[in-house]
Amino acid sequence: MRIVTIQKPVVDLKATGAQIKLLRIKNGFSVHDIQTIFGFEYPQAVYAWEQGKNIPTVDNLLVLAHLFDVTIEDIVIQHMVEIDVPCSSNKIEKLCIKNCNDCKYRLSA
């Protein structure tokens, strides 16, 4: 079995948090506004997002995207990392970045 290198997207929590803060300010929302919209008892959840300590749930990302009139992809900042995985023919064909004899694919994520 061969080992192939694939590109794996990874969320950059700090950059995503900074993006949420930037979009919040750009759109004229205060932390208290966001807290109220989401029904949070305390603002710590919003601060945790903006500081990159955690990321909003998918549901909350959908709401933020709607509030900020952007896509989720505009909010979530990611970068790609290369990882090595065993090539098992067509099981990783969509991620394979090397053209090996087993899978014959040259695709990237």
PDB file of N, CA and C in Angstrom:
ATOM      1  N   MET A   1       0.847  -1.184   0.000  1.00  0.00           N
ATOM      2  CA  MET A   1       0.000   0.000   0.000  1.00  0.00           C
ATOM      3  C   MET A   1       0.892   1.248   0.000  1.00  0.00           C
ATOM      4  N   ARG A   2       0.540   2.181  -0.818  1.00  0.00           N
ATOM      5  CA  ARG A   2       1.292   3.432  -0.922  1.00  0.00           C
ATOM      6  C   ARG A   2       0.756   4.470   0.050  1.00  0.00           C
ATOM      7  N   ILE A   3       1.610   5.408   0.374  1.00  0.00           N
ATOM      8  CA  ILE A   3       1.223   6.567   1.180  1.00  0.00           C
ATOM      9  C   ILE A   3       1.108   7.752   0.229  1.00  0.00           C
ATOM     10  N   VAL A   4       0.003   8.469   0.311  1.00  0.00           N
ATOM     11  CA  VAL A   4      -0.179   9.657  -0.519  1.00  0.00           C
ATOM     12  C   VAL A   4      -0.341  10.873   0.378  1.00  0.00           C
ATOM     13  N   THR A   5      -0.054  12.016  -0.160  1.00  0.00           N
ATOM     14  CA  THR A   5      -0.198  13.272   0.552  1.00  0.00           C
ATOM     15  C   THR A   5      -1.480  13.947   0.096  1.00  0.00           C
ATOM     16  N   ILE A   6      -2.312  14.341   1.056  1.00  0.00           N
ATOM     17  CA  ILE A   6      -3.534  15.046   0.711  1.00  0.00           C
ATOM     18  C   ILE A   6      -3.544  16.414   1.374  1.00  0.00           C
ATOM     19  N   GLN A   7      -4.323  17.308   0.825  1.00  0.00           N
ATOM     20  CA  GLN A   7      -4.535  18.629   1.391  1.00  0.00           C
ATOM     21  C   GLN A   7      -5.756  18.555   2.297  1.00  0.00           C
ATOM     22  N   LYS A   8      -5.587  18.948   3.552  1.00  0.00           N
ATOM     23  CA  LYS A   8      -6.692  18.913   4.505  1.00  0.00           C
ATOM     24  C   LYS A   8      -6.964  20.335   4.989  1.00  0.00           C
ATOM     25  N   PRO A   9      -8.211  20.821   4.843  1.00  0.00           N
ATOM     26  CA  PRO A   9      -8.525  22.158   5.346  1.00  0.00           C
ATOM     27  C   PRO A   9      -8.615  22.148   6.870  1.00  0.00           C
ATOM     28  N   VAL A  10      -8.047  23.185   7.492  1.00  0.00           N
ATOM     29  CA  VAL A  10      -8.079  23.331   8.943  1.00  0.00           C
ATOM     30  C   VAL A  10      -8.570  24.740   9.264  1.00  0.00           C
ATOM     31  N   VAL A  11      -9.522  24.840  10.192  1.00  0.00           N
ATOM     32  CA  VAL A  11     -10.045  26.145  10.585  1.00  0.00           C
ATOM     33  C   VAL A  11      -9.010  26.856  11.444  1.00  0.00           C
ATOM     34  N   ASP A  12      -8.725  28.093  11.094  1.00  0.00           N
ATOM     35  CA  ASP A  12      -7.841  28.949  11.885  1.00  0.00           C
ATOM     36  C   ASP A  12      -8.720  29.704  12.878  1.00  0.00           C
ATOM     37  N   LEU A  13      -8.759  29.238  14.128  1.00  0.00           N
ATOM     38  CA  LEU A  13      -9.662  29.808  15.126  1.00  0.00           C
ATOM     39  C   LEU A  13      -9.375  31.278  15.391  1.00  0.00           C
ATOM     40  N   LYS A  14      -8.104  31.642  15.520  1.00  0.00           N
ATOM     41  CA  LYS A  14      -7.761  33.044  15.805  1.00  0.00           C
ATOM     42  C   LYS A  14      -8.180  33.955  14.654  1.00  0.00           C
ATOM     43  N   ALA A  15      -7.869  33.555  13.440  1.00  0.00           N
ATOM     44  CA  ALA A  15      -8.224  34.373  12.275  1.00  0.00           C
ATOM     45  C   ALA A  15      -9.735  34.431  12.085  1.00  0.00           C
ATOM     46  N   THR A  16     -10.423  33.332  12.349  1.00  0.00           N
ATOM     47  CA  THR A  16     -11.876  33.325  12.252  1.00  0.00           C
ATOM     48  C   THR A  16     -12.479  34.251  13.299  1.00  0.00           C
ATOM     49  N   GLY A  17     -11.949  34.205  14.511  1.00  0.00           N
ATOM     50  CA  GLY A  17     -12.421  35.105  15.565  1.00  0.00           C
ATOM     51  C   GLY A  17     -12.219  36.562  15.196  1.00  0.00           C
ATOM     52  N   ALA A  18     -11.044  36.863  14.651  1.00  0.00           N
ATOM     53  CA  ALA A  18     -10.764  38.239  14.217  1.00  0.00           C
ATOM     54  C   ALA A  18     -11.715  38.651  13.101  1.00  0.00           C
ATOM     55  N   GLN A  19     -12.052  37.714  12.221  1.00  0.00           N
ATOM     56  CA  GLN A  19     -12.980  38.002  11.120  1.00  0.00           C
ATOM     57  C   GLN A  19     -14.380  38.277  11.660  1.00  0.00           C
ATOM     58  N   ILE A  20     -14.816  37.494  12.638  1.00  0.00           N
ATOM     59  CA  ILE A  20     -16.132  37.722  13.241  1.00  0.00           C
ATOM     60  C   ILE A  20     -16.180  39.110  13.862  1.00  0.00           C
ATOM     61  N   LYS A  21     -15.133  39.477  14.583  1.00  0.00           N
ATOM     62  CA  LYS A  21     -15.086  40.796  15.221  1.00  0.00           C
ATOM     63  C   LYS A  21     -15.104  41.900  14.163  1.00  0.00           C
ATOM     64  N   LEU A  22     -14.300  41.743  13.123  1.00  0.00           N
ATOM     65  CA  LEU A  22     -14.239  42.733  12.046  1.00  0.00           C
ATOM     66  C   LEU A  22     -15.606  42.906  11.390  1.00  0.00           C
ATOM     67  N   LEU A  23     -16.257  41.794  11.071  1.00  0.00           N
ATOM     68  CA  LEU A  23     -17.572  41.859  10.423  1.00  0.00           C
ATOM     69  C   LEU A  23     -18.632  42.433  11.361  1.00  0.00           C
ATOM     70  N   ARG A  24     -18.536  42.088  12.640  1.00  0.00           N
ATOM     71  CA  ARG A  24     -19.486  42.637  13.612  1.00  0.00           C
ATOM     72  C   ARG A  24     -19.378  44.155  13.661  1.00  0.00           C
ATOM     73  N   ILE A  25     -18.162  44.651  13.784  1.00  0.00           N
ATOM     74  CA  ILE A  25     -17.934  46.099  13.860  1.00  0.00           C
ATOM     75  C   ILE A  25     -18.320  46.778  12.547  1.00  0.00           C
ATOM     76  N   LYS A  26     -17.889  46.182  11.427  1.00  0.00           N
ATOM     77  CA  LYS A  26     -18.193  46.743  10.106  1.00  0.00           C
ATOM     78  C   LYS A  26     -19.695  46.888   9.888  1.00  0.00           C
ATOM     79  N   ASN A  27     -20.463  45.959  10.453  1.00  0.00           N
ATOM     80  CA  ASN A  27     -21.913  45.973  10.272  1.00  0.00           C
ATOM     81  C   ASN A  27     -22.648  46.699  11.391  1.00  0.00           C
ATOM     82  N   GLY A  28     -21.904  47.334  12.285  1.00  0.00           N
ATOM     83  CA  GLY A  28     -22.516  48.180  13.301  1.00  0.00           C
ATOM     84  C   GLY A  28     -23.146  47.461  14.481  1.00  0.00           C
ATOM     85  N   PHE A  29     -22.745  46.215  14.717  1.00  0.00           N
ATOM     86  CA  PHE A  29     -23.272  45.469  15.856  1.00  0.00           C
ATOM     87  C   PHE A  29     -22.319  45.569  17.046  1.00  0.00           C
ATOM     88  N   SER A  30     -22.883  45.704  18.237  1.00  0.00           N
ATOM     89  CA  SER A  30     -22.079  45.617  19.461  1.00  0.00           C
ATOM     90  C   SER A  30     -22.074  44.162  19.923  1.00  0.00           C
ATOM     91  N   VAL A  31     -21.187  43.850  20.846  1.00  0.00           N
ATOM     92  CA  VAL A  31     -21.191  42.512  21.431  1.00  0.00           C
ATOM     93  C   VAL A  31     -22.541  42.252  22.089  1.00  0.00           C
ATOM     94  N   HIS A  32     -23.073  43.274  22.749  1.00  0.00           N
ATOM     95  CA  HIS A  32     -24.384  43.136  23.386  1.00  0.00           C
ATOM     96  C   HIS A  32     -25.481  42.833  22.361  1.00  0.00           C
ATOM     97  N   ASP A  33     -25.402  43.459  21.185  1.00  0.00           N
ATOM     98  CA  ASP A  33     -26.373  43.165  20.121  1.00  0.00           C
ATOM     99  C   ASP A  33     -26.329  41.688  19.741  1.00  0.00           C
ATOM    100  N   ILE A  34     -25.136  41.177  19.528  1.00  0.00           N
ATOM    101  CA  ILE A  34     -24.970  39.773  19.135  1.00  0.00           C
ATOM    102  C   ILE A  34     -25.456  38.860  20.261  1.00  0.00           C
ATOM    103  N   GLN A  35     -25.091  39.199  21.480  1.00  0.00           N
ATOM    104  CA  GLN A  35     -25.546  38.438  22.647  1.00  0.00           C
ATOM    105  C   GLN A  35     -27.067  38.354  22.676  1.00  0.00           C
ATOM    106  N   THR A  36     -27.721  39.470  22.449  1.00  0.00           N
ATOM    107  CA  THR A  36     -29.184  39.528  22.478  1.00  0.00           C
ATOM    108  C   THR A  36     -29.801  38.735  21.329  1.00  0.00           C
ATOM    109  N   ILE A  37     -29.238  38.877  20.138  1.00  0.00           N
ATOM    110  CA  ILE A  37     -29.751  38.166  18.962  1.00  0.00           C
ATOM    111  C   ILE A  37     -29.728  36.658  19.195  1.00  0.00           C
ATOM    112  N   PHE A  38     -28.655  36.177  19.813  1.00  0.00           N
ATOM    113  CA  PHE A  38     -28.523  34.743  20.041  1.00  0.00           C
ATOM    114  C   PHE A  38     -29.181  34.284  21.339  1.00  0.00           C
ATOM    115  N   GLY A  39     -29.621  35.231  22.156  1.00  0.00           N
ATOM    116  CA  GLY A  39     -30.276  34.858  23.401  1.00  0.00           C
ATOM    117  C   GLY A  39     -29.333  34.351  24.466  1.00  0.00           C
ATOM    118  N   PHE A  40     -28.058  34.765  24.366  1.00  0.00           N
ATOM    119  CA  PHE A  40     -27.083  34.357  25.375  1.00  0.00           C
ATOM    120  C   PHE A  40     -27.308  35.159  26.648  1.00  0.00           C
ATOM    121  N   GLU A  41     -27.214  34.508  27.785  1.00  0.00           N
ATOM    122  CA  GLU A  41     -27.381  35.197  29.058  1.00  0.00           C
ATOM    123  C   GLU A  41     -26.205  36.138  29.330  1.00  0.00           C
ATOM    124  N   TYR A  42     -25.035  35.708  28.909  1.00  0.00           N
ATOM    125  CA  TYR A  42     -23.814  36.493  29.130  1.00  0.00           C
ATOM    126  C   TYR A  42     -23.074  36.671  27.810  1.00  0.00           C
ATOM    127  N   PRO A  43     -22.245  37.704  27.682  1.00  0.00           N
ATOM    128  CA  PRO A  43     -21.546  37.955  26.418  1.00  0.00           C
ATOM    129  C   PRO A  43     -20.295  37.095  26.214  1.00  0.00           C
ATOM    130  N   GLN A  44     -19.947  36.263  27.175  1.00  0.00           N
ATOM    131  CA  GLN A  44     -18.699  35.497  27.085  1.00  0.00           C
ATOM    132  C   GLN A  44     -18.612  34.629  25.837  1.00  0.00           C
ATOM    133  N   ALA A  45     -19.741  34.100  25.375  1.00  0.00           N
ATOM    134  CA  ALA A  45     -19.709  33.265  24.159  1.00  0.00           C
ATOM    135  C   ALA A  45     -19.243  34.082  22.959  1.00  0.00           C
ATOM    136  N   VAL A  46     -19.732  35.306  22.856  1.00  0.00           N
ATOM    137  CA  VAL A  46     -19.334  36.173  21.734  1.00  0.00           C
ATOM    138  C   VAL A  46     -17.855  36.520  21.850  1.00  0.00           C
ATOM    139  N   TYR A  47     -17.420  36.865  23.050  1.00  0.00           N
ATOM    140  CA  TYR A  47     -16.000  37.174  23.251  1.00  0.00           C
ATOM    141  C   TYR A  47     -15.123  35.957  22.954  1.00  0.00           C
ATOM    142  N   ALA A  48     -15.595  34.774  23.335  1.00  0.00           N
ATOM    143  CA  ALA A  48     -14.826  33.554  23.058  1.00  0.00           C
ATOM    144  C   ALA A  48     -14.685  33.325  21.561  1.00  0.00           C
ATOM    145  N   TRP A  49     -15.750  33.606  20.790  1.00  0.00           N
ATOM    146  CA  TRP A  49     -15.642  33.507  19.332  1.00  0.00           C
ATOM    147  C   TRP A  49     -14.594  34.475  18.815  1.00  0.00           C
ATOM    148  N   GLU A  50     -14.700  35.728  19.253  1.00  0.00           N
ATOM    149  CA  GLU A  50     -13.820  36.774  18.722  1.00  0.00           C
ATOM    150  C   GLU A  50     -12.365  36.593  19.135  1.00  0.00           C
ATOM    151  N   GLN A  51     -12.128  35.928  20.241  1.00  0.00           N
ATOM    152  CA  GLN A  51     -10.759  35.679  20.706  1.00  0.00           C
ATOM    153  C   GLN A  51     -10.198  34.367  20.153  1.00  0.00           C
ATOM    154  N   GLY A  52     -11.001  33.657  19.383  1.00  0.00           N
ATOM    155  CA  GLY A  52     -10.541  32.406  18.788  1.00  0.00           C
ATOM    156  C   GLY A  52     -10.443  31.265  19.786  1.00  0.00           C
ATOM    157  N   LYS A  53     -11.169  31.369  20.882  1.00  0.00           N
ATOM    158  CA  LYS A  53     -11.153  30.292  21.872  1.00  0.00           C
ATOM    159  C   LYS A  53     -12.072  29.148  21.459  1.00  0.00           C
ATOM    160  N   ASN A  54     -13.130  29.467  20.755  1.00  0.00           N
ATOM    161  CA  ASN A  54     -13.987  28.456  20.143  1.00  0.00           C
ATOM    162  C   ASN A  54     -14.667  29.060  18.931  1.00  0.00           C
ATOM    163  N   ILE A  55     -15.421  28.244  18.236  1.00  0.00           N
ATOM    164  CA  ILE A  55     -16.053  28.675  16.987  1.00  0.00           C
ATOM    165  C   ILE A  55     -17.567  28.505  17.126  1.00  0.00           C
ATOM    166  N   PRO A  56     -18.335  29.374  16.508  1.00  0.00           N
ATOM    167  CA  PRO A  56     -19.791  29.210  16.565  1.00  0.00           C
ATOM    168  C   PRO A  56     -20.221  27.876  15.954  1.00  0.00           C
ATOM    169  N   THR A  57     -21.352  27.364  16.416  1.00  0.00           N
ATOM    170  CA  THR A  57     -21.916  26.163  15.797  1.00  0.00           C
ATOM    171  C   THR A  57     -22.313  26.500  14.360  1.00  0.00           C
ATOM    172  N   VAL A  58     -22.579  25.494  13.582  1.00  0.00           N
ATOM    173  CA  VAL A  58     -23.005  25.709  12.198  1.00  0.00           C
ATOM    174  C   VAL A  58     -24.278  26.557  12.168  1.00  0.00           C
ATOM    175  N   ASP A  59     -25.223  26.266  13.049  1.00  0.00           N
ATOM    176  CA  ASP A  59     -26.451  27.066  13.111  1.00  0.00           C
ATOM    177  C   ASP A  59     -26.131  28.532  13.376  1.00  0.00           C
ATOM    178  N   ASN A  60     -25.237  28.782  14.321  1.00  0.00           N
ATOM    179  CA  ASN A  60     -24.887  30.163  14.646  1.00  0.00           C
ATOM    180  C   ASN A  60     -24.094  30.826  13.519  1.00  0.00           C
ATOM    181  N   LEU A  61     -23.276  30.049  12.818  1.00  0.00           N
ATOM    182  CA  LEU A  61     -22.568  30.607  11.659  1.00  0.00           C
ATOM    183  C   LEU A  61     -23.559  31.034  10.576  1.00  0.00           C
ATOM    184  N   LEU A  62     -24.616  30.254  10.393  1.00  0.00           N
ATOM    185  CA  LEU A  62     -25.640  30.630   9.413  1.00  0.00           C
ATOM    186  C   LEU A  62     -26.298  31.953   9.789  1.00  0.00           C
ATOM    187  N   VAL A  63     -26.577  32.136  11.074  1.00  0.00           N
ATOM    188  CA  VAL A  63     -27.183  33.391  11.536  1.00  0.00           C
ATOM    189  C   VAL A  63     -26.199  34.547  11.340  1.00  0.00           C
ATOM    190  N   LEU A  64     -24.940  34.348  11.718  1.00  0.00           N
ATOM    191  CA  LEU A  64     -23.937  35.407  11.540  1.00  0.00           C
ATOM    192  C   LEU A  64     -23.794  35.774  10.064  1.00  0.00           C
ATOM    193  N   ALA A  65     -23.765  34.777   9.201  1.00  0.00           N
ATOM    194  CA  ALA A  65     -23.648  35.045   7.761  1.00  0.00           C
ATOM    195  C   ALA A  65     -24.831  35.886   7.281  1.00  0.00           C
ATOM    196  N   HIS A  66     -26.010  35.575   7.768  1.00  0.00           N
ATOM    197  CA  HIS A  66     -27.191  36.348   7.396  1.00  0.00           C
ATOM    198  C   HIS A  66     -27.102  37.774   7.946  1.00  0.00           C
ATOM    199  N   LEU A  67     -26.715  37.903   9.204  1.00  0.00           N
ATOM    200  CA  LEU A  67     -26.592  39.237   9.814  1.00  0.00           C
ATOM    201  C   LEU A  67     -25.572  40.114   9.096  1.00  0.00           C
ATOM    202  N   PHE A  68     -24.458  39.499   8.726  1.00  0.00           N
ATOM    203  CA  PHE A  68     -23.361  40.261   8.116  1.00  0.00           C
ATOM    204  C   PHE A  68     -23.459  40.298   6.591  1.00  0.00           C
ATOM    205  N   ASP A  69     -24.466  39.623   6.019  1.00  0.00           N
ATOM    206  CA  ASP A  69     -24.669  39.569   4.572  1.00  0.00           C
ATOM    207  C   ASP A  69     -23.423  39.048   3.849  1.00  0.00           C
ATOM    208  N   VAL A  70     -22.910  37.933   4.366  1.00  0.00           N
ATOM    209  CA  VAL A  70     -21.750  37.263   3.777  1.00  0.00           C
ATOM    210  C   VAL A  70     -22.040  35.762   3.756  1.00  0.00           C
ATOM    211  N   THR A  71     -21.136  34.998   3.186  1.00  0.00           N
ATOM    212  CA  THR A  71     -21.247  33.545   3.231  1.00  0.00           C
ATOM    213  C   THR A  71     -20.492  33.027   4.454  1.00  0.00           C
ATOM    214  N   ILE A  72     -20.771  31.791   4.816  1.00  0.00           N
ATOM    215  CA  ILE A  72     -20.017  31.178   5.915  1.00  0.00           C
ATOM    216  C   ILE A  72     -18.530  31.141   5.557  1.00  0.00           C
ATOM    217  N   GLU A  73     -18.216  30.908   4.300  1.00  0.00           N
ATOM    218  CA  GLU A  73     -16.825  30.874   3.856  1.00  0.00           C
ATOM    219  C   GLU A  73     -16.131  32.219   4.059  1.00  0.00           C
ATOM    220  N   ASP A  74     -16.917  33.304   4.066  1.00  0.00           N
ATOM    221  CA  ASP A  74     -16.346  34.627   4.330  1.00  0.00           C
ATOM    222  C   ASP A  74     -16.043  34.823   5.812  1.00  0.00           C
ATOM    223  N   ILE A  75     -16.668  34.031   6.650  1.00  0.00           N
ATOM    224  CA  ILE A  75     -16.460  34.139   8.099  1.00  0.00           C
ATOM    225  C   ILE A  75     -15.361  33.194   8.566  1.00  0.00           C
ATOM    226  N   VAL A  76     -15.456  31.946   8.147  1.00  0.00           N
ATOM    227  CA  VAL A  76     -14.520  30.918   8.610  1.00  0.00           C
ATOM    228  C   VAL A  76     -13.232  30.992   7.787  1.00  0.00           C
ATOM    229  N   ILE A  77     -12.141  31.273   8.468  1.00  0.00           N
ATOM    230  CA  ILE A  77     -10.833  31.348   7.808  1.00  0.00           C
ATOM    231  C   ILE A  77     -10.151  29.996   7.956  1.00  0.00           C
ATOM    232  N   GLN A  78      -9.691  29.477   6.851  1.00  0.00           N
ATOM    233  CA  GLN A  78      -9.038  28.174   6.882  1.00  0.00           C
ATOM    234  C   GLN A  78      -7.709  28.219   6.152  1.00  0.00           C
ATOM    235  N   HIS A  79      -6.887  27.252   6.454  1.00  0.00           N
ATOM    236  CA  HIS A  79      -5.670  27.059   5.684  1.00  0.00           C
ATOM    237  C   HIS A  79      -5.532  25.561   5.435  1.00  0.00           C
ATOM    238  N   MET A  80      -4.744  25.228   4.469  1.00  0.00           N
ATOM    239  CA  MET A  80      -4.582  23.831   4.093  1.00  0.00           C
ATOM    240  C   MET A  80      -3.288  23.289   4.695  1.00  0.00           C
ATOM    241  N   VAL A  81      -3.359  22.067   5.175  1.00  0.00           N
ATOM    242  CA  VAL A  81      -2.178  21.365   5.657  1.00  0.00           C
ATOM    243  C   VAL A  81      -2.071  20.066   4.874  1.00  0.00           C
ATOM    244  N   GLU A  82      -0.846  19.639   4.676  1.00  0.00           N
ATOM    245  CA  GLU A  82      -0.632  18.375   3.986  1.00  0.00           C
ATOM    246  C   GLU A  82      -0.484  17.268   5.019  1.00  0.00           C
ATOM    247  N   ILE A  83      -1.187  16.163   4.780  1.00  0.00           N
ATOM    248  CA  ILE A  83      -1.037  14.994   5.636  1.00  0.00           C
ATOM    249  C   ILE A  83      -0.828  13.776   4.755  1.00  0.00           C
ATOM    250  N   ASP A  84      -0.130  12.794   5.282  1.00  0.00           N
ATOM    251  CA  ASP A  84       0.104  11.546   4.564  1.00  0.00           C
ATOM    252  C   ASP A  84      -0.895  10.502   5.037  1.00  0.00           C
ATOM    253  N   VAL A  85      -1.539   9.831   4.086  1.00  0.00           N
ATOM    254  CA  VAL A  85      -2.509   8.782   4.401  1.00  0.00           C
ATOM    255  C   VAL A  85      -2.251   7.591   3.488  1.00  0.00           C
ATOM    256  N   PRO A  86      -2.629   6.396   3.960  1.00  0.00           N
ATOM    257  CA  PRO A  86      -2.496   5.229   3.080  1.00  0.00           C
ATOM    258  C   PRO A  86      -3.460   5.370   1.896  1.00  0.00           C
ATOM    259  N   CYS A  87      -2.980   5.111   0.722  1.00  0.00           N
ATOM    260  CA  CYS A  87      -3.819   5.185  -0.474  1.00  0.00           C
ATOM    261  C   CYS A  87      -4.560   3.872  -0.612  1.00  0.00           C
ATOM    262  N   SER A  88      -5.876   3.952  -0.609  1.00  0.00           N
ATOM    263  CA  SER A  88      -6.678   2.743  -0.802  1.00  0.00           C
ATOM    264  C   SER A  88      -7.566   2.949  -2.021  1.00  0.00           C
ATOM    265  N   SER A  89      -6.917   3.132  -3.135  1.00  0.00           N
ATOM    266  CA  SER A  89      -7.562   3.304  -4.426  1.00  0.00           C
ATOM    267  C   SER A  89      -8.553   4.457  -4.424  1.00  0.00           C
ATOM    268  N   ASN A  90      -9.821   4.217  -4.712  1.00  0.00           N
ATOM    269  CA  ASN A  90     -10.759   5.311  -4.927  1.00  0.00           C
ATOM    270  C   ASN A  90     -11.307   5.913  -3.633  1.00  0.00           C
ATOM    271  N   LYS A  91     -10.915   5.432  -2.469  1.00  0.00           N
ATOM    272  CA  LYS A  91     -11.467   5.956  -1.219  1.00  0.00           C
ATOM    273  C   LYS A  91     -11.042   7.385  -0.934  1.00  0.00           C
ATOM    274  N   ILE A  92      -9.906   7.806  -1.422  1.00  0.00           N
ATOM    275  CA  ILE A  92      -9.468   9.187  -1.190  1.00  0.00           C
ATOM    276  C   ILE A  92      -9.228   9.929  -2.501  1.00  0.00           C
ATOM    277  N   GLU A  93      -9.841   9.453  -3.549  1.00  0.00           N
ATOM    278  CA  GLU A  93      -9.597  10.021  -4.874  1.00  0.00           C
ATOM    279  C   GLU A  93      -9.822  11.514  -4.960  1.00  0.00           C
ATOM    280  N   LYS A  94     -10.766  12.058  -4.215  1.00  0.00           N
ATOM    281  CA  LYS A  94     -11.054  13.482  -4.300  1.00  0.00           C
ATOM    282  C   LYS A  94     -10.003  14.334  -3.594  1.00  0.00           C
ATOM    283  N   LEU A  95      -9.197  13.730  -2.741  1.00  0.00           N
ATOM    284  CA  LEU A  95      -8.208  14.495  -1.993  1.00  0.00           C
ATOM    285  C   LEU A  95      -6.777  14.244  -2.432  1.00  0.00           C
ATOM    286  N   CYS A  96      -6.578  13.241  -3.237  1.00  0.00           N
ATOM    287  CA  CYS A  96      -5.225  12.844  -3.616  1.00  0.00           C
ATOM    288  C   CYS A  96      -4.536  13.945  -4.424  1.00  0.00           C
ATOM    289  N   ILE A  97      -3.320  14.288  -4.027  1.00  0.00           N
ATOM    290  CA  ILE A  97      -2.574  15.309  -4.782  1.00  0.00           C
ATOM    291  C   ILE A  97      -1.345  14.720  -5.475  1.00  0.00           C
ATOM    292  N   LYS A  98      -1.186  13.417  -5.365  1.00  0.00           N
ATOM    293  CA  LYS A  98      -0.100  12.740  -6.070  1.00  0.00           C
ATOM    294  C   LYS A  98      -0.710  11.742  -7.040  1.00  0.00           C
ATOM    295  N   ASN A  99      -0.038  11.500  -8.109  1.00  0.00           N
ATOM    296  CA  ASN A  99      -0.529  10.549  -9.097  1.00  0.00           C
ATOM    297  C   ASN A  99       0.175   9.216  -8.853  1.00  0.00           C
ATOM    298  N   CYS A 100      -0.424   8.392  -7.997  1.00  0.00           N
ATOM    299  CA  CYS A 100       0.203   7.109  -7.700  1.00  0.00           C
ATOM    300  C   CYS A 100      -0.369   6.016  -8.602  1.00  0.00           C
ATOM    301  N   ASN A 101       0.292   4.878  -8.651  1.00  0.00           N
ATOM    302  CA  ASN A 101      -0.156   3.782  -9.497  1.00  0.00           C
ATOM    303  C   ASN A 101      -1.460   3.168  -9.021  1.00  0.00           C
ATOM    304  N   ASP A 102      -1.776   3.298  -7.716  1.00  0.00           N
ATOM    305  CA  ASP A 102      -2.977   2.670  -7.188  1.00  0.00           C
ATOM    306  C   ASP A 102      -4.240   3.439  -7.561  1.00  0.00           C
ATOM    307  N   CYS A 103      -4.230   4.762  -7.440  1.00  0.00           N
ATOM    308  CA  CYS A 103      -5.482   5.478  -7.631  1.00  0.00           C
ATOM    309  C   CYS A 103      -5.541   6.303  -8.914  1.00  0.00           C
ATOM    310  N   LYS A 104      -4.415   6.649  -9.483  1.00  0.00           N
ATOM    311  CA  LYS A 104      -4.366   7.374 -10.758  1.00  0.00           C
ATOM    312  C   LYS A 104      -5.126   8.702 -10.742  1.00  0.00           C
ATOM    313  N   TYR A 105      -5.278   9.303  -9.584  1.00  0.00           N
ATOM    314  CA  TYR A 105      -5.977  10.575  -9.492  1.00  0.00           C
ATOM    315  C   TYR A 105      -5.013  11.681  -9.123  1.00  0.00           C
ATOM    316  N   ARG A 106      -5.256  12.847  -9.634  1.00  0.00           N
ATOM    317  CA  ARG A 106      -4.461  14.010  -9.270  1.00  0.00           C
ATOM    318  C   ARG A 106      -5.430  15.167  -9.018  1.00  0.00           C
ATOM    319  N   LEU A 107      -6.079  15.113  -7.895  1.00  0.00           N
ATOM    320  CA  LEU A 107      -7.083  16.097  -7.527  1.00  0.00           C
ATOM    321  C   LEU A 107      -6.671  16.750  -6.210  1.00  0.00           C
ATOM    322  N   SER A 108      -7.240  17.905  -5.884  1.00  0.00           N
ATOM    323  CA  SER A 108      -6.964  18.525  -4.596  1.00  0.00           C
ATOM    324  C   SER A 108      -8.281  18.926  -3.950  1.00  0.00           C
ATOM    325  N   ALA A 109      -8.226  19.111  -2.624  1.00  0.00           N
ATOM    326  CA  ALA A 109      -9.432  19.440  -1.864  1.00  0.00           C
ATOM    327  C   ALA A 109      -9.910  20.822  -2.196  1.00  0.00           C
TER     328      ALA A 109
END
